[in-house]
Structure formats: C-alpha cells, structure tokens
Amino acid sequence: MDRKRFERLAKSLQGMTNCPNCGASYALKDIRYFGQLGMTAFVQLTCHNCHASSLAGIPANVLVPEEKRETLNQFQSRVTYDDAIEIHRILQDRNLNFKDFFERS
C-alpha cells in the first residue's frame, strides 16, 4: 500500500474509532498496516496512551475514493454473525503469525 492510501486509511480510522480500553484517539504512528485479503485491509491499532492492541479489518470501500464507492458496494457481500463464528473456530486452534499469513496470500 502506498503512503497516500495508507494516510487516507489512517485518517478514516482516526475519525471512526478510539481505543476501546482508555478512549484515546489513535495517532498515525499507532496504526500498522498488515495487508489486504480480498476486500478487507487488516491493521493493528496500538494505543499510544495505554498500549492496548487491537486487530481490525477495514472494508475496502474506505480505501476507495468517494466517487467510486457506489460501484464497489454493488459487489461487496456482508459478513454474517455465523461467518465470524466460523473464522473464530478456525483461528482458535492455530498459532498464526498474521504477518506470515498475509505474506503467503
């Protein structure tokens, strides 16, 4: 991901979310890009205030300019509760290094 796209992603995140532990706003240095899988970009958010860490999946439409989002949304499917449970079950029994996971994709 180039610097411009990363900054757009980071600014979107800064406007959408705060640290779930202490409520602090994320700074650009708090956001680490892991990679993109399908229509989802994965980032690690580490709070500069309390050091709590979270992994987040960001829909690709956040990375797309506003004028192109409508076209993209026509092809984007929704993740259901059952999908999340299934992913949890798959990951639960594995010791995954997410960096290695994205480098293989």
PDB file of N, CA and C in Angstrom:
ATOM      1  N   MET A   1       0.856  -1.166   0.000  1.00  0.00           N
ATOM      2  CA  MET A   1       0.000   0.000   0.000  1.00  0.00           C
ATOM      3  C   MET A   1       0.902   1.228   0.000  1.00  0.00           C
ATOM      4  N   ASP A   2       0.631   2.153  -0.900  1.00  0.00           N
ATOM      5  CA  ASP A   2       1.458   3.353  -0.952  1.00  0.00           C
ATOM      6  C   ASP A   2       1.124   4.311   0.203  1.00  0.00           C
ATOM      7  N   ARG A   3       1.977   5.264   0.425  1.00  0.00           N
ATOM      8  CA  ARG A   3       1.859   6.183   1.570  1.00  0.00           C
ATOM      9  C   ARG A   3       0.532   6.965   1.542  1.00  0.00           C
ATOM     10  N   LYS A   4       0.141   7.416   0.370  1.00  0.00           N
ATOM     11  CA  LYS A   4      -1.088   8.214   0.244  1.00  0.00           C
ATOM     12  C   LYS A   4      -2.318   7.398   0.643  1.00  0.00           C
ATOM     13  N   ARG A   5      -2.390   6.167   0.182  1.00  0.00           N
ATOM     14  CA  ARG A   5      -3.529   5.306   0.534  1.00  0.00           C
ATOM     15  C   ARG A   5      -3.522   4.963   2.018  1.00  0.00           C
ATOM     16  N   PHE A   6      -2.319   4.725   2.565  1.00  0.00           N
ATOM     17  CA  PHE A   6      -2.227   4.443   3.991  1.00  0.00           C
ATOM     18  C   PHE A   6      -2.713   5.639   4.813  1.00  0.00           C
ATOM     19  N   GLU A   7      -2.294   6.837   4.436  1.00  0.00           N
ATOM     20  CA  GLU A   7      -2.719   8.026   5.169  1.00  0.00           C
ATOM     21  C   GLU A   7      -4.231   8.223   5.086  1.00  0.00           C
ATOM     22  N   ARG A   8      -4.828   7.934   3.944  1.00  0.00           N
ATOM     23  CA  ARG A   8      -6.289   8.030   3.802  1.00  0.00           C
ATOM     24  C   ARG A   8      -6.967   7.002   4.712  1.00  0.00           C
ATOM     25  N   LEU A   9      -6.429   5.787   4.753  1.00  0.00           N
ATOM     26  CA  LEU A   9      -6.965   4.745   5.629  1.00  0.00           C
ATOM     27  C   LEU A   9      -6.838   5.177   7.094  1.00  0.00           C
ATOM     28  N   ALA A  10      -5.659   5.679   7.470  1.00  0.00           N
ATOM     29  CA  ALA A  10      -5.416   6.089   8.852  1.00  0.00           C
ATOM     30  C   ALA A  10      -6.348   7.231   9.254  1.00  0.00           C
ATOM     31  N   LYS A  11      -6.539   8.201   8.388  1.00  0.00           N
ATOM     32  CA  LYS A  11      -7.440   9.314   8.698  1.00  0.00           C
ATOM     33  C   LYS A  11      -8.870   8.831   8.868  1.00  0.00           C
ATOM     34  N   SER A  12      -9.284   7.877   8.055  1.00  0.00           N
ATOM     35  CA  SER A  12     -10.623   7.308   8.201  1.00  0.00           C
ATOM     36  C   SER A  12     -10.764   6.618   9.552  1.00  0.00           C
ATOM     37  N   LEU A  13      -9.750   5.856   9.927  1.00  0.00           N
ATOM     38  CA  LEU A  13      -9.775   5.163  11.222  1.00  0.00           C
ATOM     39  C   LEU A  13      -9.784   6.147  12.380  1.00  0.00           C
ATOM     40  N   GLN A  14      -8.994   7.190  12.262  1.00  0.00           N
ATOM     41  CA  GLN A  14      -8.932   8.181  13.334  1.00  0.00           C
ATOM     42  C   GLN A  14     -10.294   8.833  13.549  1.00  0.00           C
ATOM     43  N   GLY A  15     -11.071   8.988  12.481  1.00  0.00           N
ATOM     44  CA  GLY A  15     -12.390   9.590  12.597  1.00  0.00           C
ATOM     45  C   GLY A  15     -13.464   8.620  13.047  1.00  0.00           C
ATOM     46  N   MET A  16     -13.195   7.312  12.963  1.00  0.00           N
ATOM     47  CA  MET A  16     -14.217   6.308  13.252  1.00  0.00           C
ATOM     48  C   MET A  16     -14.067   5.635  14.608  1.00  0.00           C
ATOM     49  N   THR A  17     -12.862   5.569  15.133  1.00  0.00           N
ATOM     50  CA  THR A  17     -12.665   4.727  16.313  1.00  0.00           C
ATOM     51  C   THR A  17     -11.661   5.327  17.291  1.00  0.00           C
ATOM     52  N   ASN A  18     -11.840   4.979  18.541  1.00  0.00           N
ATOM     53  CA  ASN A  18     -10.910   5.323  19.613  1.00  0.00           C
ATOM     54  C   ASN A  18     -10.493   4.035  20.298  1.00  0.00           C
ATOM     55  N   CYS A  19      -9.494   4.115  21.145  1.00  0.00           N
ATOM     56  CA  CYS A  19      -9.042   2.956  21.905  1.00  0.00           C
ATOM     57  C   CYS A  19     -10.197   2.430  22.768  1.00  0.00           C
ATOM     58  N   PRO A  20     -10.514   1.140  22.667  1.00  0.00           N
ATOM     59  CA  PRO A  20     -11.605   0.585  23.464  1.00  0.00           C
ATOM     60  C   PRO A  20     -11.270   0.492  24.954  1.00  0.00           C
ATOM     61  N   ASN A  21     -10.001   0.577  25.289  1.00  0.00           N
ATOM     62  CA  ASN A  21      -9.578   0.458  26.677  1.00  0.00           C
ATOM     63  C   ASN A  21      -9.618   1.799  27.419  1.00  0.00           C
ATOM     64  N   CYS A  22      -9.041   2.857  26.816  1.00  0.00           N
ATOM     65  CA  CYS A  22      -8.944   4.143  27.522  1.00  0.00           C
ATOM     66  C   CYS A  22      -9.655   5.291  26.816  1.00  0.00           C
ATOM     67  N   GLY A  23     -10.098   5.072  25.573  1.00  0.00           N
ATOM     68  CA  GLY A  23     -10.838   6.102  24.848  1.00  0.00           C
ATOM     69  C   GLY A  23      -9.973   7.094  24.093  1.00  0.00           C
ATOM     70  N   ALA A  24      -8.660   6.936  24.110  1.00  0.00           N
ATOM     71  CA  ALA A  24      -7.771   7.865  23.409  1.00  0.00           C
ATOM     72  C   ALA A  24      -7.952   7.743  21.901  1.00  0.00           C
ATOM     73  N   SER A  25      -7.741   8.844  21.206  1.00  0.00           N
ATOM     74  CA  SER A  25      -7.749   8.831  19.743  1.00  0.00           C
ATOM     75  C   SER A  25      -6.442   8.229  19.253  1.00  0.00           C
ATOM     76  N   TYR A  26      -6.510   7.498  18.145  1.00  0.00           N
ATOM     77  CA  TYR A  26      -5.301   6.909  17.579  1.00  0.00           C
ATOM     78  C   TYR A  26      -4.518   7.951  16.790  1.00  0.00           C
ATOM     79  N   ALA A  27      -3.211   7.922  16.930  1.00  0.00           N
ATOM     80  CA  ALA A  27      -2.316   8.745  16.131  1.00  0.00           C
ATOM     81  C   ALA A  27      -1.854   7.919  14.934  1.00  0.00           C
ATOM     82  N   LEU A  28      -1.325   8.586  13.929  1.00  0.00           N
ATOM     83  CA  LEU A  28      -0.848   7.884  12.741  1.00  0.00           C
ATOM     84  C   LEU A  28       0.167   6.802  13.109  1.00  0.00           C
ATOM     85  N   LYS A  29       1.037   7.078  14.065  1.00  0.00           N
ATOM     86  CA  LYS A  29       2.061   6.108  14.462  1.00  0.00           C
ATOM     87  C   LYS A  29       1.471   4.895  15.186  1.00  0.00           C
ATOM     88  N   ASP A  30       0.197   4.977  15.612  1.00  0.00           N
ATOM     89  CA  ASP A  30      -0.472   3.882  16.319  1.00  0.00           C
ATOM     90  C   ASP A  30      -1.039   2.829  15.364  1.00  0.00           C
ATOM     91  N   ILE A  31      -1.041   3.124  14.079  1.00  0.00           N
ATOM     92  CA  ILE A  31      -1.710   2.273  13.099  1.00  0.00           C
ATOM     93  C   ILE A  31      -0.661   1.590  12.230  1.00  0.00           C
ATOM     94  N   ARG A  32      -0.711   0.253  12.213  1.00  0.00           N
ATOM     95  CA  ARG A  32       0.249  -0.534  11.419  1.00  0.00           C
ATOM     96  C   ARG A  32      -0.526  -1.381  10.411  1.00  0.00           C
ATOM     97  N   TYR A  33      -0.194  -1.219   9.158  1.00  0.00           N
ATOM     98  CA  TYR A  33      -0.852  -1.949   8.075  1.00  0.00           C
ATOM     99  C   TYR A  33      -0.245  -3.344   7.950  1.00  0.00           C
ATOM    100  N   PHE A  34      -1.119  -4.380   7.964  1.00  0.00           N
ATOM    101  CA  PHE A  34      -0.639  -5.755   7.795  1.00  0.00           C
ATOM    102  C   PHE A  34      -0.729  -6.211   6.347  1.00  0.00           C
ATOM    103  N   GLY A  35      -1.849  -5.930   5.718  1.00  0.00           N
ATOM    104  CA  GLY A  35      -2.040  -6.375   4.345  1.00  0.00           C
ATOM    105  C   GLY A  35      -3.509  -6.370   3.999  1.00  0.00           C
ATOM    106  N   GLN A  36      -3.787  -6.760   2.776  1.00  0.00           N
ATOM    107  CA  GLN A  36      -5.161  -6.810   2.308  1.00  0.00           C
ATOM    108  C   GLN A  36      -5.471  -8.221   1.840  1.00  0.00           C
ATOM    109  N   LEU A  37      -6.628  -8.707   2.238  1.00  0.00           N
ATOM    110  CA  LEU A  37      -7.091 -10.030   1.855  1.00  0.00           C
ATOM    111  C   LEU A  37      -8.486  -9.841   1.283  1.00  0.00           C
ATOM    112  N   GLY A  38      -8.625 -10.082  -0.012  1.00  0.00           N
ATOM    113  CA  GLY A  38      -9.913  -9.857  -0.653  1.00  0.00           C
ATOM    114  C   GLY A  38     -10.275  -8.382  -0.585  1.00  0.00           C
ATOM    115  N   MET A  39     -11.447  -8.104  -0.054  1.00  0.00           N
ATOM    116  CA  MET A  39     -11.947  -6.732   0.022  1.00  0.00           C
ATOM    117  C   MET A  39     -11.729  -6.116   1.402  1.00  0.00           C
ATOM    118  N   THR A  40     -10.801  -6.669   2.174  1.00  0.00           N
ATOM    119  CA  THR A  40     -10.575  -6.188   3.540  1.00  0.00           C
ATOM    120  C   THR A  40      -9.096  -5.912   3.782  1.00  0.00           C
ATOM    121  N   ALA A  41      -8.812  -4.725   4.313  1.00  0.00           N
ATOM    122  CA  ALA A  41      -7.460  -4.374   4.730  1.00  0.00           C
ATOM    123  C   ALA A  41      -7.363  -4.637   6.227  1.00  0.00           C
ATOM    124  N   PHE A  42      -6.258  -5.206   6.672  1.00  0.00           N
ATOM    125  CA  PHE A  42      -6.069  -5.521   8.086  1.00  0.00           C
ATOM    126  C   PHE A  42      -4.996  -4.619   8.684  1.00  0.00           C
ATOM    127  N   VAL A  43      -5.322  -4.038   9.833  1.00  0.00           N
ATOM    128  CA  VAL A  43      -4.398  -3.148  10.528  1.00  0.00           C
ATOM    129  C   VAL A  43      -4.337  -3.516  12.005  1.00  0.00           C
ATOM    130  N   GLN A  44      -3.212  -3.198  12.610  1.00  0.00           N
ATOM    131  CA  GLN A  44      -3.069  -3.335  14.055  1.00  0.00           C
ATOM    132  C   GLN A  44      -3.102  -1.925  14.628  1.00  0.00           C
ATOM    133  N   LEU A  45      -3.946  -1.722  15.628  1.00  0.00           N
ATOM    134  CA  LEU A  45      -4.062  -0.438  16.304  1.00  0.00           C
ATOM    135  C   LEU A  45      -3.468  -0.607  17.696  1.00  0.00           C
ATOM    136  N   THR A  46      -2.420   0.147  18.015  1.00  0.00           N
ATOM    137  CA  THR A  46      -1.792   0.086  19.330  1.00  0.00           C
ATOM    138  C   THR A  46      -1.867   1.477  19.937  1.00  0.00           C
ATOM    139  N   CYS A  47      -2.580   1.582  21.030  1.00  0.00           N
ATOM    140  CA  CYS A  47      -2.812   2.869  21.684  1.00  0.00           C
ATOM    141  C   CYS A  47      -1.517   3.424  22.270  1.00  0.00           C
ATOM    142  N   HIS A  48      -1.208   4.665  21.935  1.00  0.00           N
ATOM    143  CA  HIS A  48      -0.012   5.324  22.470  1.00  0.00           C
ATOM    144  C   HIS A  48      -0.181   5.680  23.949  1.00  0.00           C
ATOM    145  N   ASN A  49      -1.427   5.688  24.429  1.00  0.00           N
ATOM    146  CA  ASN A  49      -1.694   6.067  25.813  1.00  0.00           C
ATOM    147  C   ASN A  49      -1.602   4.876  26.779  1.00  0.00           C
ATOM    148  N   CYS A  50      -2.341   3.793  26.472  1.00  0.00           N
ATOM    149  CA  CYS A  50      -2.374   2.649  27.399  1.00  0.00           C
ATOM    150  C   CYS A  50      -1.732   1.388  26.817  1.00  0.00           C
ATOM    151  N   HIS A  51      -1.318   1.438  25.561  1.00  0.00           N
ATOM    152  CA  HIS A  51      -0.627   0.341  24.862  1.00  0.00           C
ATOM    153  C   HIS A  51      -1.513  -0.867  24.577  1.00  0.00           C
ATOM    154  N   ALA A  52      -2.836  -0.710  24.678  1.00  0.00           N
ATOM    155  CA  ALA A  52      -3.746  -1.788  24.289  1.00  0.00           C
ATOM    156  C   ALA A  52      -3.646  -1.965  22.778  1.00  0.00           C
ATOM    157  N   SER A  53      -3.742  -3.200  22.327  1.00  0.00           N
ATOM    158  CA  SER A  53      -3.584  -3.503  20.912  1.00  0.00           C
ATOM    159  C   SER A  53      -4.815  -4.218  20.384  1.00  0.00           C
ATOM    160  N   SER A  54      -5.219  -3.860  19.161  1.00  0.00           N
ATOM    161  CA  SER A  54      -6.378  -4.477  18.519  1.00  0.00           C
ATOM    162  C   SER A  54      -6.045  -4.757  17.066  1.00  0.00           C
ATOM    163  N   LEU A  55      -6.648  -5.793  16.520  1.00  0.00           N
ATOM    164  CA  LEU A  55      -6.555  -6.088  15.106  1.00  0.00           C
ATOM    165  C   LEU A  55      -7.888  -5.700  14.494  1.00  0.00           C
ATOM    166  N   ALA A  56      -7.850  -4.965  13.389  1.00  0.00           N
ATOM    167  CA  ALA A  56      -9.086  -4.516  12.758  1.00  0.00           C
ATOM    168  C   ALA A  56      -9.077  -4.863  11.278  1.00  0.00           C
ATOM    169  N   GLY A  57     -10.240  -5.262  10.781  1.00  0.00           N
ATOM    170  CA  GLY A  57     -10.453  -5.471   9.356  1.00  0.00           C
ATOM    171  C   GLY A  57     -11.248  -4.298   8.828  1.00  0.00           C
ATOM    172  N   ILE A  58     -10.715  -3.611   7.824  1.00  0.00           N
ATOM    173  CA  ILE A  58     -11.328  -2.400   7.288  1.00  0.00           C
ATOM    174  C   ILE A  58     -11.858  -2.702   5.888  1.00  0.00           C
ATOM    175  N   PRO A  59     -13.161  -2.469   5.646  1.00  0.00           N
ATOM    176  CA  PRO A  59     -13.710  -2.710   4.304  1.00  0.00           C
ATOM    177  C   PRO A  59     -12.970  -1.890   3.259  1.00  0.00           C
ATOM    178  N   ALA A  60     -12.768  -2.474   2.109  1.00  0.00           N
ATOM    179  CA  ALA A  60     -12.006  -1.814   1.050  1.00  0.00           C
ATOM    180  C   ALA A  60     -12.637  -0.503   0.608  1.00  0.00           C
ATOM    181  N   ASN A  61     -13.944  -0.320   0.814  1.00  0.00           N
ATOM    182  CA  ASN A  61     -14.548   0.932   0.354  1.00  0.00           C
ATOM    183  C   ASN A  61     -13.999   2.139   1.093  1.00  0.00           C
ATOM    184  N   VAL A  62     -13.376   1.951   2.254  1.00  0.00           N
ATOM    185  CA  VAL A  62     -12.713   3.049   2.962  1.00  0.00           C
ATOM    186  C   VAL A  62     -11.490   3.498   2.170  1.00  0.00           C
ATOM    187  N   LEU A  63     -10.895   2.577   1.395  1.00  0.00           N
ATOM    188  CA  LEU A  63      -9.682   2.866   0.647  1.00  0.00           C
ATOM    189  C   LEU A  63      -9.966   3.437  -0.739  1.00  0.00           C
ATOM    190  N   VAL A  64     -11.221   3.440  -1.135  1.00  0.00           N
ATOM    191  CA  VAL A  64     -11.611   3.846  -2.475  1.00  0.00           C
ATOM    192  C   VAL A  64     -12.138   5.279  -2.442  1.00  0.00           C
ATOM    193  N   PRO A  65     -11.771   6.101  -3.433  1.00  0.00           N
ATOM    194  CA  PRO A  65     -12.301   7.460  -3.479  1.00  0.00           C
ATOM    195  C   PRO A  65     -13.836   7.456  -3.476  1.00  0.00           C
ATOM    196  N   GLU A  66     -14.419   8.465  -2.871  1.00  0.00           N
ATOM    197  CA  GLU A  66     -15.877   8.568  -2.691  1.00  0.00           C
ATOM    198  C   GLU A  66     -16.651   8.324  -3.993  1.00  0.00           C
ATOM    199  N   GLU A  67     -16.173   8.874  -5.094  1.00  0.00           N
ATOM    200  CA  GLU A  67     -16.914   8.765  -6.358  1.00  0.00           C
ATOM    201  C   GLU A  67     -16.966   7.341  -6.912  1.00  0.00           C
ATOM    202  N   LYS A  68     -16.095   6.444  -6.444  1.00  0.00           N
ATOM    203  CA  LYS A  68     -16.084   5.068  -6.942  1.00  0.00           C
ATOM    204  C   LYS A  68     -16.711   4.079  -5.969  1.00  0.00           C
ATOM    205  N   ARG A  69     -17.113   4.528  -4.778  1.00  0.00           N
ATOM    206  CA  ARG A  69     -17.626   3.623  -3.747  1.00  0.00           C
ATOM    207  C   ARG A  69     -18.944   2.970  -4.125  1.00  0.00           C
ATOM    208  N   GLU A  70     -19.824   3.684  -4.808  1.00  0.00           N
ATOM    209  CA  GLU A  70     -21.127   3.117  -5.152  1.00  0.00           C
ATOM    210  C   GLU A  70     -20.964   1.874  -6.017  1.00  0.00           C
ATOM    211  N   THR A  71     -20.067   1.929  -6.990  1.00  0.00           N
ATOM    212  CA  THR A  71     -19.814   0.771  -7.847  1.00  0.00           C
ATOM    213  C   THR A  71     -19.255  -0.387  -7.036  1.00  0.00           C
ATOM    214  N   LEU A  72     -18.320  -0.104  -6.165  1.00  0.00           N
ATOM    215  CA  LEU A  72     -17.719  -1.141  -5.326  1.00  0.00           C
ATOM    216  C   LEU A  72     -18.750  -1.793  -4.418  1.00  0.00           C
ATOM    217  N   ASN A  73     -19.615  -0.995  -3.824  1.00  0.00           N
ATOM    218  CA  ASN A  73     -20.614  -1.511  -2.889  1.00  0.00           C
ATOM    219  C   ASN A  73     -21.571  -2.503  -3.535  1.00  0.00           C
ATOM    220  N   GLN A  74     -21.764  -2.428  -4.836  1.00  0.00           N
ATOM    221  CA  GLN A  74     -22.640  -3.365  -5.530  1.00  0.00           C
ATOM    222  C   GLN A  74     -22.101  -4.789  -5.466  1.00  0.00           C
ATOM    223  N   PHE A  75     -20.787  -4.938  -5.326  1.00  0.00           N
ATOM    224  CA  PHE A  75     -20.161  -6.251  -5.354  1.00  0.00           C
ATOM    225  C   PHE A  75     -19.730  -6.744  -3.977  1.00  0.00           C
ATOM    226  N   GLN A  76     -19.883  -5.929  -2.967  1.00  0.00           N
ATOM    227  CA  GLN A  76     -19.415  -6.276  -1.632  1.00  0.00           C
ATOM    228  C   GLN A  76     -20.489  -7.077  -0.893  1.00  0.00           C
ATOM    229  N   SER A  77     -20.097  -8.215  -0.344  1.00  0.00           N
ATOM    230  CA  SER A  77     -21.037  -9.022   0.433  1.00  0.00           C
ATOM    231  C   SER A  77     -20.888  -8.686   1.904  1.00  0.00           C
ATOM    232  N   ARG A  78     -21.910  -9.007   2.679  1.00  0.00           N
ATOM    233  CA  ARG A  78     -21.899  -8.730   4.112  1.00  0.00           C
ATOM    234  C   ARG A  78     -21.379  -9.952   4.872  1.00  0.00           C
ATOM    235  N   VAL A  79     -20.649  -9.681   5.927  1.00  0.00           N
ATOM    236  CA  VAL A  79     -20.167 -10.740   6.809  1.00  0.00           C
ATOM    237  C   VAL A  79     -21.249 -10.966   7.859  1.00  0.00           C
ATOM    238  N   THR A  80     -21.654 -12.205   7.994  1.00  0.00           N
ATOM    239  CA  THR A  80     -22.707 -12.529   8.954  1.00  0.00           C
ATOM    240  C   THR A  80     -22.097 -12.942  10.292  1.00  0.00           C
ATOM    241  N   TYR A  81     -22.940 -13.022  11.288  1.00  0.00           N
ATOM    242  CA  TYR A  81     -22.519 -13.493  12.610  1.00  0.00           C
ATOM    243  C   TYR A  81     -21.948 -14.907  12.488  1.00  0.00           C
ATOM    244  N   ASP A  82     -22.596 -15.758  11.702  1.00  0.00           N
ATOM    245  CA  ASP A  82     -22.108 -17.129  11.505  1.00  0.00           C
ATOM    246  C   ASP A  82     -20.723 -17.148  10.855  1.00  0.00           C
ATOM    247  N   ASP A  83     -20.472 -16.213   9.929  1.00  0.00           N
ATOM    248  CA  ASP A  83     -19.146 -16.114   9.309  1.00  0.00           C
ATOM    249  C   ASP A  83     -18.083 -15.812  10.361  1.00  0.00           C
ATOM    250  N   ALA A  84     -18.392 -14.874  11.259  1.00  0.00           N
ATOM    251  CA  ALA A  84     -17.440 -14.508  12.311  1.00  0.00           C
ATOM    252  C   ALA A  84     -17.174 -15.678  13.245  1.00  0.00           C
ATOM    253  N   ILE A  85     -18.208 -16.422  13.602  1.00  0.00           N
ATOM    254  CA  ILE A  85     -18.048 -17.600  14.468  1.00  0.00           C
ATOM    255  C   ILE A  85     -17.179 -18.649  13.773  1.00  0.00           C
ATOM    256  N   GLU A  86     -17.418 -18.855  12.493  1.00  0.00           N
ATOM    257  CA  GLU A  86     -16.634 -19.843  11.747  1.00  0.00           C
ATOM    258  C   GLU A  86     -15.155 -19.454  11.700  1.00  0.00           C
ATOM    259  N   ILE A  87     -14.863 -18.191  11.439  1.00  0.00           N
ATOM    260  CA  ILE A  87     -13.477 -17.725  11.421  1.00  0.00           C
ATOM    261  C   ILE A  87     -12.848 -17.891  12.804  1.00  0.00           C
ATOM    262  N   HIS A  88     -13.606 -17.567  13.842  1.00  0.00           N
ATOM    263  CA  HIS A  88     -13.109 -17.736  15.209  1.00  0.00           C
ATOM    264  C   HIS A  88     -12.728 -19.191  15.466  1.00  0.00           C
ATOM    265  N   ARG A  89     -13.577 -20.105  15.064  1.00  0.00           N
ATOM    266  CA  ARG A  89     -13.298 -21.539  15.281  1.00  0.00           C
ATOM    267  C   ARG A  89     -12.050 -21.988  14.529  1.00  0.00           C
ATOM    268  N   ILE A  90     -11.890 -21.485  13.314  1.00  0.00           N
ATOM    269  CA  ILE A  90     -10.711 -21.846  12.515  1.00  0.00           C
ATOM    270  C   ILE A  90      -9.441 -21.329  13.184  1.00  0.00           C
ATOM    271  N   LEU A  91      -9.476 -20.082  13.640  1.00  0.00           N
ATOM    272  CA  LEU A  91      -8.280 -19.461  14.216  1.00  0.00           C
ATOM    273  C   LEU A  91      -7.999 -19.899  15.642  1.00  0.00           C
ATOM    274  N   GLN A  92      -9.012 -20.337  16.342  1.00  0.00           N
ATOM    275  CA  GLN A  92      -8.893 -20.687  17.755  1.00  0.00           C
ATOM    276  C   GLN A  92      -7.823 -21.755  18.015  1.00  0.00           C
ATOM    277  N   ASP A  93      -7.740 -22.737  17.155  1.00  0.00           N
ATOM    278  CA  ASP A  93      -6.823 -23.850  17.371  1.00  0.00           C
ATOM    279  C   ASP A  93      -5.490 -23.694  16.652  1.00  0.00           C
ATOM    280  N   ARG A  94      -5.230 -22.508  16.133  1.00  0.00           N
ATOM    281  CA  ARG A  94      -3.993 -22.299  15.391  1.00  0.00           C
ATOM    282  C   ARG A  94      -3.179 -21.188  16.023  1.00  0.00           C
ATOM    283  N   ASN A  95      -1.901 -21.347  15.937  1.00  0.00           N
ATOM    284  CA  ASN A  95      -0.989 -20.312  16.407  1.00  0.00           C
ATOM    285  C   ASN A  95      -0.489 -19.593  15.156  1.00  0.00           C
ATOM    286  N   LEU A  96      -1.207 -18.546  14.759  1.00  0.00           N
ATOM    287  CA  LEU A  96      -0.898 -17.871  13.500  1.00  0.00           C
ATOM    288  C   LEU A  96      -0.107 -16.595  13.730  1.00  0.00           C
ATOM    289  N   ASN A  97       0.861 -16.389  12.894  1.00  0.00           N
ATOM    290  CA  ASN A  97       1.560 -15.127  12.816  1.00  0.00           C
ATOM    291  C   ASN A  97       0.911 -14.388  11.652  1.00  0.00           C
ATOM    292  N   PHE A  98       0.163 -13.318  11.927  1.00  0.00           N
ATOM    293  CA  PHE A  98      -0.604 -12.648  10.878  1.00  0.00           C
ATOM    294  C   PHE A  98       0.293 -12.085   9.778  1.00  0.00           C
ATOM    295  N   LYS A  99       1.492 -11.663  10.110  1.00  0.00           N
ATOM    296  CA  LYS A  99       2.390 -11.151   9.094  1.00  0.00           C
ATOM    297  C   LYS A  99       2.700 -12.250   8.076  1.00  0.00           C
ATOM    298  N   ASP A 100       3.016 -13.449   8.564  1.00  0.00           N
ATOM    299  CA  ASP A 100       3.292 -14.576   7.671  1.00  0.00           C
ATOM    300  C   ASP A 100       2.049 -14.939   6.859  1.00  0.00           C
ATOM    301  N   PHE A 101       0.883 -14.881   7.492  1.00  0.00           N
ATOM    302  CA  PHE A 101      -0.371 -15.210   6.819  1.00  0.00           C
ATOM    303  C   PHE A 101      -0.586 -14.310   5.598  1.00  0.00           C
ATOM    304  N   PHE A 102      -0.351 -13.004   5.744  1.00  0.00           N
ATOM    305  CA  PHE A 102      -0.586 -12.085   4.640  1.00  0.00           C
ATOM    306  C   PHE A 102       0.500 -12.156   3.594  1.00  0.00           C
ATOM    307  N   GLU A 103       1.714 -12.504   3.983  1.00  0.00           N
ATOM    308  CA  GLU A 103       2.791 -12.626   3.013  1.00  0.00           C
ATOM    309  C   GLU A 103       2.560 -13.818   2.103  1.00  0.00           C
ATOM    310  N   ARG A 104       1.859 -14.852   2.596  1.00  0.00           N
ATOM    311  CA  ARG A 104       1.556 -16.034   1.785  1.00  0.00           C
ATOM    312  C   ARG A 104       0.401 -15.783   0.830  1.00  0.00           C
ATOM    313  N   SER A 105      -0.462 -14.833   1.118  1.00  0.00           N
ATOM    314  CA  SER A 105      -1.672 -14.590   0.309  1.00  0.00           C
ATOM    315  C   SER A 105      -1.354 -13.891  -0.973  1.00  0.00           C
TER     316      SER A 105
END
